[in-house]
Amino acid sequence: FSAEGDLDDNLIRVNKGKLSLKDIGEMDFAGAIDRPTIALRDFDLSGDNLELAGVFSQVLKPFLADTPFAELAAEGRAGIQWRFRNGAHQSLNLHLHEAALDDGRGSFAFRGINARIPWQVRGLTQTSISVRSGQFGKLPIGEVHVPLGQDGLDSRDGHELGGVGRGEKSRHLIDRLLILGGRARDLLEHPGPLAARG
């Protein structure tokens, strides 16, 4: 960890910083914290060639406890660019390169994941996700490509899956995917109709 910046009565500012995490990689950052409230005001974070295995095991795993993805493991590399201004998210860009995901329970696995996932608070962005191969339970899956249009806080993919579709707010999307993950596992274990609820 290294950082340089300045300090006054109202603001702690980091002009240039670097964070090195074992088994993950290096990230550059800069930002400002309001001293009276200890609130984050501005922040920039960027990193390339990050090891997904380390990100999942060290950073994400605690948040996935008690969810269908508690045993999720990942491989491959990722990049991130995050911009936060005046106490609000402005943009987030994620990149995946030859990644792999395995839920660790035999429910699903995906290999050869390449993705470009840009988001900004205003304006349309285009997401592209491709998967070379995978499986749901014992069912193999071939190559898949998923385009997705994202306009600010609303996603527009033109399709619906278990209630997630046009107009679904981004802040609810992760919760919905966790619910869907549990239902997908139930379906594999107990074949039958999958109803969208909640």
Protein backbone atom coordinates (compact mmCIF):
# COMPACT_ATOMS: atom_id res chain seq x y z
CA PHE A 1 0.00 0.00 0.00
CA SER A 2 1.25 3.48 -0.88
CA ALA A 3 -0.44 6.87 -1.12
CA GLU A 4 0.33 10.56 -1.47
CA GLY A 5 -1.95 13.53 -1.03
CA ASP A 6 -2.81 16.39 1.28
CA LEU A 7 -4.81 17.13 4.39
CA ASP A 8 -6.66 20.18 5.72
CA ASP A 9 -9.41 20.85 8.26
CA ASN A 10 -12.18 19.79 5.89
CA LEU A 11 -10.74 17.25 3.52
CA ILE A 12 -8.43 14.26 3.29
CA ARG A 13 -7.33 13.93 -0.32
CA VAL A 14 -5.33 11.12 -1.92
CA ASN A 15 -3.93 12.27 -5.24
CA LYS A 16 -2.24 9.00 -6.10
CA GLY A 17 -2.35 5.64 -4.40
CA LYS A 18 -1.54 2.02 -5.12
CA LEU A 19 -2.94 -1.06 -3.43
CA SER A 20 -1.21 -4.42 -3.86
CA LEU A 21 -3.17 -7.47 -2.76
CA LYS A 22 -1.63 -10.93 -2.57
CA ASP A 23 -3.13 -13.39 -5.06
CA ILE A 24 -5.23 -10.58 -6.61
CA GLY A 25 -2.99 -7.91 -8.14
CA GLU A 26 -2.44 -4.16 -8.09
CA MET A 27 -5.00 -1.36 -8.19
CA ASP A 28 -4.53 2.38 -8.53
CA PHE A 29 -6.79 4.75 -6.62
CA ALA A 30 -7.39 8.39 -5.76
CA GLY A 31 -10.10 10.12 -3.78
CA ALA A 32 -11.29 12.52 -1.13
CA ILE A 33 -12.92 12.07 2.28
CA ASP A 34 -14.88 14.77 4.09
CA ARG A 35 -13.24 15.02 7.52
CA PRO A 36 -16.18 16.35 9.60
CA THR A 37 -18.49 13.51 8.52
CA ILE A 38 -15.85 10.89 7.55
CA ALA A 39 -17.87 10.41 4.34
CA LEU A 40 -16.37 9.41 1.02
CA ARG A 41 -16.81 12.28 -1.43
CA ASP A 42 -14.78 11.30 -4.51
CA PHE A 43 -13.07 8.06 -5.48
CA ASP A 44 -11.38 6.55 -8.53
CA LEU A 45 -10.29 2.91 -8.65
CA SER A 46 -8.73 1.01 -11.52
CA GLY A 47 -7.02 -2.33 -11.93
CA ASP A 48 -6.14 -4.68 -14.79
CA ASN A 49 -5.20 -8.35 -14.92
CA LEU A 50 -6.69 -9.04 -11.50
CA GLU A 51 -6.82 -12.68 -10.46
CA LEU A 52 -10.47 -13.70 -10.13
CA ALA A 53 -9.67 -16.64 -7.87
CA GLY A 54 -8.26 -14.26 -5.26
CA VAL A 55 -11.05 -11.72 -5.71
CA PHE A 56 -13.71 -14.35 -5.02
CA SER A 57 -11.95 -16.09 -2.14
CA GLN A 58 -10.75 -12.96 -0.33
CA VAL A 59 -13.28 -10.27 -1.21
CA LEU A 60 -16.61 -11.67 -2.41
CA LYS A 61 -16.95 -14.95 -0.51
CA PRO A 62 -18.03 -13.37 2.82
CA PHE A 63 -20.88 -11.55 1.02
CA LEU A 64 -22.07 -14.77 -0.63
CA ALA A 65 -22.48 -16.70 2.61
CA ASP A 66 -25.96 -18.15 3.13
CA THR A 67 -26.80 -17.70 -0.56
CA PRO A 68 -26.97 -20.23 -3.42
CA PHE A 69 -23.50 -18.99 -4.43
CA ALA A 70 -21.74 -19.60 -1.08
CA GLU A 71 -19.35 -22.16 -2.62
CA LEU A 72 -18.81 -20.26 -5.87
CA ALA A 73 -15.26 -20.34 -7.21
CA ALA A 74 -13.75 -18.45 -10.13
CA GLU A 75 -10.68 -18.45 -12.33
CA GLY A 76 -9.37 -16.11 -14.99
CA ARG A 77 -8.60 -12.41 -15.05
CA ALA A 78 -10.60 -9.24 -14.62
CA GLY A 79 -10.31 -5.48 -14.92
CA ILE A 80 -12.22 -2.73 -13.15
CA GLN A 81 -12.63 1.03 -13.41
CA TRP A 82 -14.89 2.75 -10.87
CA ARG A 83 -15.68 6.47 -10.64
CA PHE A 84 -17.46 8.03 -7.63
CA ARG A 85 -18.16 11.76 -7.44
CA ASN A 86 -19.87 14.00 -4.87
CA GLY A 87 -21.09 11.02 -2.89
CA ALA A 88 -22.64 9.19 -5.86
CA HIS A 89 -21.63 6.46 -8.31
CA GLN A 90 -20.84 7.85 -11.76
CA SER A 91 -19.50 4.89 -13.71
CA LEU A 92 -18.34 1.31 -13.36
CA ASN A 93 -16.60 -0.77 -16.02
CA LEU A 94 -15.88 -4.47 -15.59
CA HIS A 95 -13.94 -6.74 -17.93
CA LEU A 96 -13.57 -10.52 -17.77
CA HIS A 97 -10.99 -12.45 -19.75
CA GLU A 98 -11.15 -16.24 -20.15
CA ALA A 99 -12.91 -16.57 -16.82
CA ALA A 100 -14.55 -19.65 -15.35
CA LEU A 101 -17.25 -20.00 -12.69
CA ASP A 102 -18.23 -23.10 -10.75
CA ASP A 103 -20.87 -23.07 -8.03
CA GLY A 104 -19.09 -25.90 -6.21
CA ARG A 105 -22.32 -27.87 -5.79
CA GLY A 106 -22.64 -29.39 -9.23
CA SER A 107 -25.52 -27.10 -10.20
CA PHE A 108 -23.71 -25.04 -12.82
CA ALA A 109 -20.32 -24.26 -14.30
CA PHE A 110 -19.25 -21.89 -17.09
CA ARG A 111 -15.95 -21.73 -18.94
CA GLY A 112 -14.37 -19.30 -21.38
CA ILE A 113 -16.26 -16.25 -20.11
CA ASN A 114 -15.28 -13.01 -21.82
CA ALA A 115 -17.23 -9.91 -20.93
CA ARG A 116 -17.28 -6.16 -21.24
CA ILE A 117 -19.74 -4.64 -18.76
CA PRO A 118 -19.77 -0.82 -18.78
CA TRP A 119 -22.21 1.26 -16.75
CA GLN A 120 -22.65 4.99 -16.29
CA VAL A 121 -25.27 6.94 -14.39
CA ARG A 122 -26.45 8.74 -17.54
CA GLY A 123 -26.45 7.51 -21.09
CA LEU A 124 -26.75 4.22 -22.92
CA THR A 125 -23.97 1.63 -22.67
CA GLN A 126 -23.66 -1.74 -24.38
CA THR A 127 -22.68 -4.85 -22.46
CA SER A 128 -21.31 -7.94 -24.15
CA ILE A 129 -20.97 -11.32 -22.42
CA SER A 130 -19.87 -14.52 -24.15
CA VAL A 131 -19.50 -18.02 -22.71
CA ARG A 132 -17.64 -20.73 -24.62
CA SER A 133 -19.15 -23.71 -22.78
CA GLY A 134 -20.82 -24.72 -19.57
CA GLN A 135 -23.32 -26.95 -17.89
CA PHE A 136 -26.42 -26.90 -15.71
CA GLY A 137 -26.25 -30.02 -13.61
CA LYS A 138 -25.50 -32.77 -16.14
CA LEU A 139 -26.87 -30.77 -19.05
CA PRO A 140 -24.06 -29.40 -21.29
CA ILE A 141 -24.38 -25.92 -22.80
CA GLY A 142 -22.71 -24.71 -25.98
CA GLU A 143 -21.43 -21.26 -26.85
CA VAL A 144 -23.62 -18.37 -25.67
CA HIS A 145 -23.50 -14.65 -26.41
CA VAL A 146 -25.57 -12.17 -24.39
CA PRO A 147 -25.85 -8.52 -25.54
CA LEU A 148 -27.42 -6.11 -23.07
CA GLY A 149 -28.28 -2.42 -23.32
CA GLN A 150 -27.97 -0.43 -20.09
CA ASP A 151 -29.45 3.07 -19.86
CA GLY A 152 -28.51 4.64 -16.55
CA LEU A 153 -30.35 2.69 -13.84
CA ASP A 154 -32.60 0.74 -16.24
CA SER A 155 -31.55 -2.40 -18.12
CA ARG A 156 -33.01 -3.12 -21.54
CA ASP A 157 -32.27 -6.57 -22.85
CA GLY A 158 -35.56 -7.14 -24.63
CA HIS A 159 -36.13 -10.39 -22.74
CA GLU A 160 -37.42 -11.52 -19.40
CA LEU A 161 -36.00 -14.24 -17.16
CA GLY A 162 -37.78 -15.06 -13.93
CA GLY A 163 -39.09 -11.52 -13.67
CA VAL A 164 -35.82 -9.77 -14.54
CA GLY A 165 -36.21 -7.80 -17.73
CA ARG A 166 -36.95 -4.44 -19.28
CA GLY A 167 -37.04 -1.68 -16.72
CA GLU A 168 -35.68 -3.72 -13.80
CA LYS A 169 -33.66 -1.42 -11.55
CA SER A 170 -29.95 -2.15 -11.34
CA ARG A 171 -29.90 -1.85 -7.58
CA HIS A 172 -32.24 -4.87 -7.38
CA LEU A 173 -30.55 -6.96 -10.06
CA ILE A 174 -28.04 -8.74 -7.83
CA ASP A 175 -30.78 -9.68 -5.34
CA ARG A 176 -32.88 -11.04 -8.19
CA LEU A 177 -29.99 -13.08 -9.58
CA LEU A 178 -29.38 -14.61 -6.16
CA ILE A 179 -33.04 -15.62 -5.99
CA LEU A 180 -32.92 -17.02 -9.51
CA GLY A 181 -29.80 -18.97 -8.68
CA GLY A 182 -31.62 -20.70 -5.87
CA ARG A 183 -34.61 -21.46 -8.08
CA ALA A 184 -32.38 -22.81 -10.85
CA ARG A 185 -30.79 -25.18 -8.35
CA ASP A 186 -34.22 -26.28 -7.08
CA LEU A 187 -35.31 -26.94 -10.66
CA LEU A 188 -32.30 -29.13 -11.31
CA GLU A 189 -32.93 -31.09 -8.14
CA HIS A 190 -36.74 -31.27 -8.57
CA PRO A 191 -37.65 -30.92 -12.29
CA GLY A 192 -40.88 -29.07 -12.96
CA PRO A 193 -42.23 -25.62 -13.85
CA LEU A 194 -40.16 -22.65 -12.67
CA ALA A 195 -42.46 -19.88 -11.49
CA ALA A 196 -41.37 -16.26 -11.15
CA ARG A 197 -42.26 -14.98 -7.71
CA GLY A 198 -41.17 -12.22 -5.41
